[in-house]
Amino acid sequence: MKQKIILTFNKEELNKFEEALGNSGINKLSELVTLVISKDNPEKYITRKVKEALSDLSGFEIEFITLSHNLKTDLGLTNYHKKSLKFYFQRIVKDLDSKKAVTVQECEKLTKVSDCIKLIKSKI
């Protein structure tokens, strides 16, 4: 059984957590923390964060979600869910040091997971 754990760290604590993970032998978690900290691969970072947001709203596991999934028919997202993506996506854009804004109208027009990624890329 998988467990979802949400942790909140400041920059210093996050670096210490990354260091501890490096010594733990938990490779998958260590890679994920490194991805979130360094953001050195924006494509991979955006894809991961979009899948996390969609998982949070849909209830599907991150690993289940593919780029070709339809937000409504495959993930069960309503127009209300799509509107709430603005909050998630704006945070991703901000994390990538962009000042551009994601609008609710843009989120309402999204149909596939790949569209979500394209929207965020257009903002960085």
C-alpha atoms as a PDB file:
ATOM      1  CA  MET A   1       0.000   0.000   0.000  1.00  0.00           C
ATOM      2  CA  LYS A   2       1.280   3.454  -0.925  1.00  0.00           C
ATOM      3  CA  GLN A   3       1.141   6.360   1.478  1.00  0.00           C
ATOM      4  CA  LYS A   4       1.060  10.024   0.527  1.00  0.00           C
ATOM      5  CA  ILE A   5       3.147  12.226   2.783  1.00  0.00           C
ATOM      6  CA  ILE A   6       3.281  15.998   2.504  1.00  0.00           C
ATOM      7  CA  LEU A   7       6.348  17.677   3.965  1.00  0.00           C
ATOM      8  CA  THR A   8       7.091  21.371   4.266  1.00  0.00           C
ATOM      9  CA  PHE A   9      10.691  22.539   4.503  1.00  0.00           C
ATOM     10  CA  ASN A  10      12.542  25.799   4.273  1.00  0.00           C
ATOM     11  CA  LYS A  11      15.581  25.896   1.943  1.00  0.00           C
ATOM     12  CA  GLU A  12      18.078  24.843   4.649  1.00  0.00           C
ATOM     13  CA  GLU A  13      15.898  21.973   5.904  1.00  0.00           C
ATOM     14  CA  LEU A  14      15.301  20.782   2.357  1.00  0.00           C
ATOM     15  CA  ASN A  15      19.038  20.629   1.674  1.00  0.00           C
ATOM     16  CA  LYS A  16      19.574  18.621   4.873  1.00  0.00           C
ATOM     17  CA  PHE A  17      16.727  16.297   3.889  1.00  0.00           C
ATOM     18  CA  GLU A  18      18.316  15.774   0.460  1.00  0.00           C
ATOM     19  CA  GLU A  19      21.640  14.968   2.109  1.00  0.00           C
ATOM     20  CA  ALA A  20      20.015  12.454   4.473  1.00  0.00           C
ATOM     21  CA  LEU A  21      18.218  10.797   1.572  1.00  0.00           C
ATOM     22  CA  GLY A  22      21.459  10.492  -0.347  1.00  0.00           C
ATOM     23  CA  ASN A  23      22.803   8.309   2.433  1.00  0.00           C
ATOM     24  CA  SER A  24      19.615   6.282   2.861  1.00  0.00           C
ATOM     25  CA  GLY A  25      19.664   4.202  -0.307  1.00  0.00           C
ATOM     26  CA  ILE A  26      16.086   5.187  -1.205  1.00  0.00           C
ATOM     27  CA  ASN A  27      16.933   6.081  -4.783  1.00  0.00           C
ATOM     28  CA  LYS A  28      13.501   6.956  -6.186  1.00  0.00           C
ATOM     29  CA  LEU A  29      12.711   9.399  -3.379  1.00  0.00           C
ATOM     30  CA  SER A  30      16.207  10.857  -3.517  1.00  0.00           C
ATOM     31  CA  GLU A  31      15.873  11.484  -7.278  1.00  0.00           C
ATOM     32  CA  LEU A  32      12.505  13.176  -6.771  1.00  0.00           C
ATOM     33  CA  VAL A  33      13.826  15.470  -4.039  1.00  0.00           C
ATOM     34  CA  THR A  34      16.814  16.382  -6.223  1.00  0.00           C
ATOM     35  CA  LEU A  35      14.457  17.173  -9.117  1.00  0.00           C
ATOM     36  CA  VAL A  36      12.351  19.458  -6.921  1.00  0.00           C
ATOM     37  CA  ILE A  37      15.366  21.224  -5.410  1.00  0.00           C
ATOM     38  CA  SER A  38      17.528  21.752  -8.472  1.00  0.00           C
ATOM     39  CA  LYS A  39      14.852  22.149 -11.175  1.00  0.00           C
ATOM     40  CA  ASP A  40      17.722  21.558 -13.614  1.00  0.00           C
ATOM     41  CA  ASN A  41      15.412  19.680 -15.989  1.00  0.00           C
ATOM     42  CA  PRO A  42      12.391  21.987 -16.463  1.00  0.00           C
ATOM     43  CA  GLU A  43      10.607  19.519 -18.769  1.00  0.00           C
ATOM     44  CA  LYS A  44      10.776  16.731 -16.213  1.00  0.00           C
ATOM     45  CA  TYR A  45       9.978  19.115 -13.348  1.00  0.00           C
ATOM     46  CA  ILE A  46       6.879  20.495 -15.095  1.00  0.00           C
ATOM     47  CA  THR A  47       5.642  17.019 -16.033  1.00  0.00           C
ATOM     48  CA  ARG A  48       6.047  15.774 -12.471  1.00  0.00           C
ATOM     49  CA  LYS A  49       4.346  18.794 -10.907  1.00  0.00           C
ATOM     50  CA  VAL A  50       1.436  18.666 -13.383  1.00  0.00           C
ATOM     51  CA  LYS A  51       0.915  14.979 -12.627  1.00  0.00           C
ATOM     52  CA  GLU A  52       1.023  15.723  -8.885  1.00  0.00           C
ATOM     53  CA  ALA A  53      -1.656  18.400  -9.299  1.00  0.00           C
ATOM     54  CA  LEU A  54      -3.859  16.137 -11.421  1.00  0.00           C
ATOM     55  CA  SER A  55      -3.377  13.275  -8.970  1.00  0.00           C
ATOM     56  CA  ASP A  56      -4.405  15.534  -6.109  1.00  0.00           C
ATOM     57  CA  LEU A  57      -7.614  16.557  -7.888  1.00  0.00           C
ATOM     58  CA  SER A  58      -8.531  13.246  -9.515  1.00  0.00           C
ATOM     59  CA  GLY A  59      -7.468  10.744  -6.867  1.00  0.00           C
ATOM     60  CA  PHE A  60      -5.488   8.696  -9.403  1.00  0.00           C
ATOM     61  CA  GLU A  61      -1.891   7.733  -8.621  1.00  0.00           C
ATOM     62  CA  ILE A  62       0.797   9.866 -10.251  1.00  0.00           C
ATOM     63  CA  GLU A  63       2.216   6.796 -11.990  1.00  0.00           C
ATOM     64  CA  PHE A  64      -1.187   6.084 -13.595  1.00  0.00           C
ATOM     65  CA  ILE A  65      -1.457   9.473 -15.305  1.00  0.00           C
ATOM     66  CA  THR A  66      -0.089   9.697 -18.850  1.00  0.00           C
ATOM     67  CA  LEU A  67       0.312  12.644 -21.195  1.00  0.00           C
ATOM     68  CA  SER A  68      -2.453  11.340 -23.467  1.00  0.00           C
ATOM     69  CA  HIS A  69      -5.104  11.088 -20.746  1.00  0.00           C
ATOM     70  CA  ASN A  70      -8.208  13.208 -21.234  1.00  0.00           C
ATOM     71  CA  LEU A  71      -8.883  15.340 -18.161  1.00  0.00           C
ATOM     72  CA  LYS A  72     -12.640  14.750 -18.235  1.00  0.00           C
ATOM     73  CA  THR A  73     -13.141  11.224 -19.567  1.00  0.00           C
ATOM     74  CA  ASP A  74      -9.996   9.543 -18.213  1.00  0.00           C
ATOM     75  CA  LEU A  75      -9.384  11.464 -14.983  1.00  0.00           C
ATOM     76  CA  GLY A  76     -12.939  12.560 -14.188  1.00  0.00           C
ATOM     77  CA  LEU A  77     -12.153  16.255 -13.826  1.00  0.00           C
ATOM     78  CA  THR A  78     -15.089  18.631 -14.040  1.00  0.00           C
ATOM     79  CA  ASN A  79     -14.952  22.261 -15.155  1.00  0.00           C
ATOM     80  CA  TYR A  80     -14.701  23.187 -11.477  1.00  0.00           C
ATOM     81  CA  HIS A  81     -11.585  20.990 -11.137  1.00  0.00           C
ATOM     82  CA  LYS A  82     -10.044  22.574 -14.217  1.00  0.00           C
ATOM     83  CA  LYS A  83     -10.597  26.043 -12.748  1.00  0.00           C
ATOM     84  CA  SER A  84      -8.777  24.992  -9.594  1.00  0.00           C
ATOM     85  CA  LEU A  85      -5.736  23.989 -11.679  1.00  0.00           C
ATOM     86  CA  LYS A  86      -4.897  27.704 -11.907  1.00  0.00           C
ATOM     87  CA  PHE A  87      -3.627  27.674  -8.328  1.00  0.00           C
ATOM     88  CA  TYR A  88      -1.423  24.605  -8.900  1.00  0.00           C
ATOM     89  CA  PHE A  89      -0.097  25.781 -12.249  1.00  0.00           C
ATOM     90  CA  GLN A  90       0.633  29.322 -11.084  1.00  0.00           C
ATOM     91  CA  ARG A  91       2.769  27.880  -8.296  1.00  0.00           C
ATOM     92  CA  ILE A  92       4.769  25.828 -10.841  1.00  0.00           C
ATOM     93  CA  VAL A  93       5.297  28.905 -13.033  1.00  0.00           C
ATOM     94  CA  LYS A  94       6.401  30.932  -9.994  1.00  0.00           C
ATOM     95  CA  ASP A  95       8.777  28.144  -8.890  1.00  0.00           C
ATOM     96  CA  LEU A  96      10.418  28.412 -12.307  1.00  0.00           C
ATOM     97  CA  ASP A  97      10.979  32.152 -11.724  1.00  0.00           C
ATOM     98  CA  SER A  98       8.461  33.452 -14.237  1.00  0.00           C
ATOM     99  CA  LYS A  99       6.233  36.460 -13.619  1.00  0.00           C
ATOM    100  CA  LYS A 100       3.621  35.400 -16.200  1.00  0.00           C
ATOM    101  CA  ALA A 101       0.134  34.518 -14.998  1.00  0.00           C
ATOM    102  CA  VAL A 102      -1.947  31.422 -15.620  1.00  0.00           C
ATOM    103  CA  THR A 103      -5.619  32.334 -16.038  1.00  0.00           C
ATOM    104  CA  VAL A 104      -8.753  30.445 -15.105  1.00  0.00           C
ATOM    105  CA  GLN A 105      -9.943  30.761 -18.713  1.00  0.00           C
ATOM    106  CA  GLU A 106      -6.800  29.021 -19.973  1.00  0.00           C
ATOM    107  CA  CYS A 107      -7.324  26.190 -17.490  1.00  0.00           C
ATOM    108  CA  GLU A 108     -10.971  25.757 -18.502  1.00  0.00           C
ATOM    109  CA  LYS A 109      -9.893  25.127 -22.121  1.00  0.00           C
ATOM    110  CA  LEU A 110      -7.521  22.263 -21.233  1.00  0.00           C
ATOM    111  CA  THR A 111      -8.523  18.817 -22.483  1.00  0.00           C
ATOM    112  CA  LYS A 112      -5.475  16.550 -22.093  1.00  0.00           C
ATOM    113  CA  VAL A 113      -2.583  16.218 -19.682  1.00  0.00           C
ATOM    114  CA  SER A 114      -0.223  17.252 -22.489  1.00  0.00           C
ATOM    115  CA  ASP A 115      -2.196  20.514 -22.856  1.00  0.00           C
ATOM    116  CA  CYS A 116      -1.487  21.288 -19.208  1.00  0.00           C
ATOM    117  CA  ILE A 117       2.243  20.906 -19.778  1.00  0.00           C
ATOM    118  CA  LYS A 118       2.120  23.078 -22.919  1.00  0.00           C
ATOM    119  CA  LEU A 119       0.295  25.801 -20.985  1.00  0.00           C
ATOM    120  CA  ILE A 120       2.934  25.931 -18.285  1.00  0.00           C
ATOM    121  CA  LYS A 121       5.780  25.867 -20.807  1.00  0.00           C
ATOM    122  CA  SER A 122       4.200  28.854 -22.553  1.00  0.00           C
ATOM    123  CA  LYS A 123       4.489  30.781 -19.287  1.00  0.00           C
ATOM    124  CA  ILE A 124       8.207  30.267 -18.694  1.00  0.00           C
END
